[in-house]
Amino acid sequence: MSASSAAASRRDGSAAGAWVALYAAWVVAVAASLGALFIGEVMGQVPCSLCWHQRAFMFPLAFLLAVACYHSDTGVWRYAVPLAAIGWLVAGWHTLIFYGVVSEAIQPCSASGPSCSGEDMMLLGWAPLPVLSLLAFTAILALLFVVARGGHKA
């Protein structure tokens, strides 16, 4: 195998890996979006203020990444990373509130609506919703970094 064909093979492999990472990021975004809708619409749990903000960043990611997958556009990371990063920050803040690290005086949900840190924030009694959201945004960001490193616009 010549040096140029080896380089081309690595490039093709990294582009294929970038597409797989892009697809995986889309799957995570869709699963998180459907999970949020299920919790709100089927289980009847009213989302708190911070949950709404997280949804505002997760739902567009599901559509944006779907279009990118359809067009094999690995350059989408440029647009998706800011959305995921802001969602990650909100989910991180929500997680800190949930665990009591942030003072009650500056909690956005305590004045009106559902609590950001109450028992309503638990799924099946053991999984904190803010942590699940933080994990979803973290996974999407990690996968988008794989896309950015290995892909180029097809």
Protein backbone atom coordinates (compact mmCIF):
# COMPACT_ATOMS: atom_id res chain seq x y z
CA MET A 1 0.00 0.00 0.00
CA SER A 2 1.44 3.33 -0.99
CA ALA A 3 1.65 6.32 1.35
CA SER A 4 -1.02 8.22 -0.57
CA SER A 5 -3.48 5.33 -0.50
CA ALA A 6 -2.83 4.84 3.24
CA ALA A 7 -3.54 8.53 3.84
CA ALA A 8 -6.72 8.30 1.76
CA SER A 9 -7.79 5.24 3.71
CA ARG A 10 -7.29 7.08 7.03
CA ARG A 11 -9.23 10.05 5.68
CA ASP A 12 -12.11 7.81 4.58
CA GLY A 13 -12.07 6.07 7.97
CA SER A 14 -12.13 9.34 9.87
CA ALA A 15 -14.95 10.66 7.67
CA ALA A 16 -16.92 7.47 8.28
CA GLY A 17 -16.24 7.78 12.02
CA ALA A 18 -17.40 11.38 11.92
CA TRP A 19 -20.65 10.34 10.26
CA VAL A 20 -21.24 7.63 12.87
CA ALA A 21 -20.60 10.19 15.63
CA LEU A 22 -23.00 12.62 13.94
CA TYR A 23 -25.69 9.94 13.75
CA ALA A 24 -25.09 9.00 17.41
CA ALA A 25 -25.40 12.67 18.45
CA TRP A 26 -28.72 12.84 16.60
CA VAL A 27 -29.94 9.67 18.35
CA VAL A 28 -29.06 11.15 21.76
CA ALA A 29 -30.83 14.44 20.92
CA VAL A 30 -33.96 12.62 19.71
CA ALA A 31 -34.00 10.30 22.74
CA ALA A 32 -33.63 13.26 25.12
CA SER A 33 -36.33 15.24 23.30
CA LEU A 34 -38.76 12.31 23.25
CA GLY A 35 -37.99 11.61 26.90
CA ALA A 36 -38.77 15.21 27.85
CA LEU A 37 -42.03 15.08 25.89
CA PHE A 38 -42.96 11.75 27.48
CA ILE A 39 -42.34 13.06 30.99
CA GLY A 40 -44.33 16.20 30.32
CA GLU A 41 -47.16 14.99 28.11
CA VAL A 42 -47.68 11.35 29.12
CA MET A 43 -46.61 11.37 32.75
CA GLY A 44 -48.16 14.83 33.24
CA GLN A 45 -45.18 16.34 35.02
CA VAL A 46 -45.05 20.10 34.55
CA PRO A 47 -41.52 21.23 33.63
CA CYS A 48 -39.81 23.83 35.76
CA SER A 49 -38.36 27.02 34.30
CA LEU A 50 -34.88 25.54 33.82
CA CYS A 51 -36.35 22.44 32.17
CA TRP A 52 -38.01 24.70 29.60
CA HIS A 53 -34.70 26.40 28.91
CA GLN A 54 -32.96 23.06 28.42
CA ARG A 55 -35.70 21.97 26.03
CA ALA A 56 -35.19 25.19 24.08
CA PHE A 57 -31.68 23.99 23.26
CA MET A 58 -32.28 20.24 22.95
CA PHE A 59 -35.30 20.26 20.61
CA PRO A 60 -33.58 22.30 17.87
CA LEU A 61 -30.55 19.99 18.11
CA ALA A 62 -32.75 17.03 17.19
CA PHE A 63 -33.90 18.78 14.00
CA LEU A 64 -30.55 20.33 13.12
CA LEU A 65 -28.69 17.04 13.51
CA ALA A 66 -31.39 15.17 11.54
CA VAL A 67 -30.91 17.51 8.59
CA ALA A 68 -27.14 17.17 8.89
CA CYS A 69 -27.41 13.37 8.89
CA TYR A 70 -29.65 13.46 5.83
CA HIS A 71 -27.15 15.62 3.95
CA SER A 72 -24.07 13.93 5.46
CA ASP A 73 -23.00 17.39 6.62
CA THR A 74 -20.26 16.86 9.19
CA GLY A 75 -19.70 20.63 9.22
CA VAL A 76 -22.85 21.00 11.32
CA TRP A 77 -20.76 20.93 14.46
CA ARG A 78 -20.11 24.65 13.93
CA TYR A 79 -23.81 25.36 14.53
CA ALA A 80 -24.67 22.54 16.91
CA VAL A 81 -21.85 23.00 19.45
CA PRO A 82 -23.05 26.46 20.60
CA LEU A 83 -26.60 25.13 21.11
CA ALA A 84 -25.35 22.09 23.00
CA ALA A 85 -22.89 24.14 25.06
CA ILE A 86 -25.53 26.62 26.23
CA GLY A 87 -27.89 23.73 27.01
CA TRP A 88 -25.05 22.06 28.93
CA LEU A 89 -24.52 25.21 31.00
CA VAL A 90 -28.22 25.43 31.87
CA ALA A 91 -28.32 21.72 32.74
CA GLY A 92 -25.20 22.13 34.86
CA TRP A 93 -26.76 25.04 36.73
CA HIS A 94 -29.94 23.01 37.21
CA THR A 95 -27.89 20.08 38.55
CA LEU A 96 -26.17 22.38 41.06
CA ILE A 97 -29.57 23.65 42.19
CA PHE A 98 -30.91 20.10 42.46
CA TYR A 99 -28.07 19.03 44.74
CA GLY A 100 -28.34 22.17 46.89
CA VAL A 101 -25.02 23.70 45.87
CA VAL A 102 -26.75 26.91 44.73
CA SER A 103 -28.48 29.05 47.36
CA GLU A 104 -32.28 29.06 47.36
CA ALA A 105 -32.19 32.85 47.12
CA ILE A 106 -31.06 32.70 43.48
CA GLN A 107 -33.11 29.73 42.29
CA PRO A 108 -35.29 30.70 39.31
CA CYS A 109 -38.03 28.17 40.03
CA SER A 110 -38.80 28.81 43.69
CA ALA A 111 -41.05 31.84 43.15
CA SER A 112 -43.65 30.32 40.83
CA GLY A 113 -44.25 27.04 39.12
CA PRO A 114 -42.72 23.64 39.85
CA SER A 115 -39.60 23.39 41.96
CA CYS A 116 -36.22 22.95 40.27
CA SER A 117 -35.01 20.65 43.01
CA GLY A 118 -38.03 18.82 44.41
CA GLU A 119 -39.06 15.19 44.18
CA ASP A 120 -40.70 16.01 40.83
CA MET A 121 -37.20 16.20 39.38
CA MET A 122 -36.68 12.44 39.83
CA LEU A 123 -37.45 9.88 37.13
CA LEU A 124 -38.57 6.50 38.48
CA GLY A 125 -37.54 7.64 41.95
CA TRP A 126 -33.79 7.38 41.36
CA ALA A 127 -32.68 9.32 38.25
CA PRO A 128 -32.47 13.11 38.68
CA LEU A 129 -33.79 14.79 35.52
CA PRO A 130 -31.21 17.61 35.59
CA VAL A 131 -28.40 15.03 35.66
CA LEU A 132 -29.94 13.10 32.76
CA SER A 133 -30.13 16.33 30.78
CA LEU A 134 -26.52 17.18 31.66
CA LEU A 135 -25.42 13.70 30.53
CA ALA A 136 -27.31 14.04 27.24
CA PHE A 137 -25.74 17.43 26.46
CA THR A 138 -22.32 16.08 27.48
CA ALA A 139 -22.69 13.09 25.15
CA ILE A 140 -23.79 15.32 22.28
CA LEU A 141 -20.85 17.67 22.82
CA ALA A 142 -18.38 14.78 22.96
CA LEU A 143 -19.80 13.28 19.77
CA LEU A 144 -19.74 16.66 18.02
CA PHE A 145 -16.06 17.03 18.91
CA VAL A 146 -15.46 13.66 17.24
CA VAL A 147 -17.35 14.97 14.22
CA ALA A 148 -15.25 18.15 14.19
CA ARG A 149 -11.96 16.24 14.40
CA GLY A 150 -12.76 13.58 11.85
CA GLY A 151 -15.10 15.09 9.37
CA HIS A 152 -15.23 17.60 6.65
CA LYS A 153 -18.22 18.82 4.70
CA ALA A 154 -19.20 16.08 2.26
